[in-house]
Amino acid sequence: MPGETILVVEDNERNRKLIRVLLRVHRYRILEASTADEALTILENTCPDLILMDIQLPEMDGLTLTRIIREQHELKDVPIIALTAYAMKGDQEKFLVSGCNGYISKPIDTREFPHVIEQFLTRSSEDV
């Protein structure tokens, strides 16, 4: 759905650029953070429609950041999708327990990625 705001929390510039390009094609509004602290600063003033969360962030990992976000009342229902290159058996359950609504494995499948984003945004708007 064009115009919706997506916060991309990803420390790798190449990954952020790929995600940015894929999202802009579909006319999403994109906010970017390369650290947990940057993400928290953005979230002080903005409630995005979706958060894409890298799990392997410097200083504070993405699952810890997800738990902090879930504790904030105004952000508790924002869908969070984990982004990870380390999706091992049992990791999906760990992501869900930490507050993520799903995950996308890296490297990102550029054809499937927009469909996954749309599904989460559609589910989120139906819950309102």
Protein backbone atom coordinates (compact mmCIF):
# COMPACT_ATOMS: atom_id res chain seq x y z
CA MET A 1 0.00 0.00 0.00
CA PRO A 2 1.77 3.14 -1.20
CA GLY A 3 2.58 5.89 1.25
CA GLU A 4 2.90 3.76 4.35
CA THR A 5 5.94 4.36 6.53
CA ILE A 6 8.49 1.60 7.03
CA LEU A 7 11.40 1.86 9.45
CA VAL A 8 14.41 -0.13 8.25
CA VAL A 9 16.82 -0.96 11.08
CA GLU A 10 19.89 -2.40 9.35
CA ASP A 11 23.57 -1.72 9.96
CA ASN A 12 24.80 -2.94 6.57
CA GLU A 13 24.67 -0.11 4.01
CA ARG A 14 24.37 -2.49 1.05
CA ASN A 15 21.39 -4.23 2.60
CA ARG A 16 19.76 -0.89 3.46
CA LYS A 17 20.28 0.31 -0.12
CA LEU A 18 18.70 -2.85 -1.58
CA ILE A 19 15.73 -2.59 0.78
CA ARG A 20 15.40 1.14 0.06
CA VAL A 21 15.29 0.52 -3.70
CA LEU A 22 12.74 -2.29 -3.36
CA LEU A 23 10.48 -0.24 -1.10
CA ARG A 24 10.70 2.97 -3.13
CA VAL A 25 9.53 1.16 -6.25
CA HIS A 26 6.31 0.49 -4.32
CA ARG A 27 6.15 4.10 -3.07
CA TYR A 28 6.59 3.41 0.62
CA ARG A 29 7.95 6.14 2.88
CA ILE A 30 11.25 4.89 4.29
CA LEU A 31 13.00 5.77 7.52
CA GLU A 32 16.44 4.30 8.15
CA ALA A 33 18.52 3.50 11.22
CA SER A 34 21.85 1.70 11.37
CA THR A 35 21.85 1.20 15.16
CA ALA A 36 19.35 0.50 17.91
CA ASP A 37 19.92 3.97 19.36
CA GLU A 38 19.11 5.61 16.02
CA ALA A 39 15.96 3.51 15.75
CA LEU A 40 14.82 4.49 19.25
CA THR A 41 15.41 8.16 18.45
CA ILE A 42 13.29 7.89 15.31
CA LEU A 43 10.57 6.05 17.23
CA GLU A 44 10.34 8.87 19.80
CA ASN A 45 8.65 11.01 17.14
CA THR A 46 7.24 8.53 14.63
CA CYS A 47 4.99 5.50 14.67
CA PRO A 48 5.78 3.56 11.48
CA ASP A 49 3.37 1.15 9.85
CA LEU A 50 6.03 -1.58 9.80
CA ILE A 51 9.54 -2.16 11.13
CA LEU A 52 12.16 -4.27 9.35
CA MET A 53 14.61 -5.34 12.06
CA ASP A 54 18.11 -6.66 11.46
CA ILE A 55 18.90 -9.18 14.20
CA GLN A 56 22.68 -8.69 14.17
CA LEU A 57 23.02 -5.01 15.10
CA PRO A 58 26.12 -3.54 16.77
CA GLU A 59 25.94 -2.75 20.51
CA MET A 60 22.30 -3.89 20.98
CA ASP A 61 20.92 -6.80 18.97
CA GLY A 62 17.63 -6.57 17.11
CA LEU A 63 15.75 -8.94 19.42
CA THR A 64 16.59 -6.82 22.46
CA LEU A 65 15.48 -3.72 20.55
CA THR A 66 12.27 -5.50 19.55
CA ARG A 67 11.49 -6.26 23.21
CA ILE A 68 12.08 -2.59 24.11
CA ILE A 69 9.76 -1.45 21.30
CA ARG A 70 7.05 -3.89 22.43
CA GLU A 71 7.12 -2.32 25.90
CA GLN A 72 6.10 1.06 24.44
CA HIS A 73 2.32 1.27 24.39
CA GLU A 74 2.05 3.35 21.20
CA LEU A 75 4.32 0.90 19.30
CA LYS A 76 3.16 -2.43 20.70
CA ASP A 77 1.01 -3.28 17.67
CA VAL A 78 3.42 -2.19 14.92
CA PRO A 79 4.42 -5.29 12.93
CA ILE A 80 8.12 -6.11 13.21
CA ILE A 81 9.77 -8.40 10.69
CA ALA A 82 13.16 -9.82 11.61
CA LEU A 83 15.85 -9.73 8.93
CA THR A 84 18.52 -12.35 9.39
CA ALA A 85 21.17 -14.30 7.56
CA TYR A 86 21.26 -16.78 10.43
CA ALA A 87 17.84 -18.44 10.26
CA MET A 88 18.55 -21.79 11.90
CA LYS A 89 16.12 -24.36 13.20
CA GLY A 90 14.34 -22.89 16.21
CA ASP A 91 15.18 -19.29 15.35
CA GLN A 92 11.67 -18.51 14.10
CA GLU A 93 10.27 -19.35 17.54
CA LYS A 94 12.95 -17.17 19.16
CA PHE A 95 12.00 -14.26 16.88
CA LEU A 96 8.29 -14.67 17.66
CA VAL A 97 8.87 -14.93 21.43
CA SER A 98 10.92 -11.72 21.28
CA GLY A 99 8.00 -9.87 19.68
CA CYS A 100 8.62 -10.19 15.95
CA ASN A 101 5.65 -11.01 13.75
CA GLY A 102 7.74 -12.93 11.22
CA TYR A 103 11.10 -12.99 9.53
CA ILE A 104 12.79 -12.66 6.16
CA SER A 105 16.00 -14.54 5.46
CA LYS A 106 18.99 -12.86 3.88
CA PRO A 107 19.96 -12.71 1.14
CA ILE A 108 16.63 -11.11 0.34
CA ASP A 109 14.61 -12.61 -2.49
CA THR A 110 13.92 -9.41 -4.43
CA ARG A 111 10.87 -10.87 -6.18
CA GLU A 112 9.22 -12.17 -3.01
CA PHE A 113 10.18 -9.30 -0.68
CA PRO A 114 7.50 -6.78 -1.80
CA HIS A 115 4.78 -9.43 -1.45
CA VAL A 116 5.85 -10.25 2.10
CA ILE A 117 5.87 -6.56 3.05
CA GLU A 118 2.39 -6.08 1.56
CA GLN A 119 1.06 -9.11 3.44
CA PHE A 120 2.24 -7.76 6.79
CA LEU A 121 0.87 -4.28 6.08
CA THR A 122 -2.46 -5.73 4.97
CA ARG A 123 -2.70 -7.89 8.10
CA SER A 124 -1.85 -4.90 10.26
CA SER A 125 -4.54 -2.69 8.70
CA GLU A 126 -7.13 -5.45 9.07
CA ASP A 127 -6.39 -5.69 12.80
CA VAL A 128 -7.30 -2.03 13.33
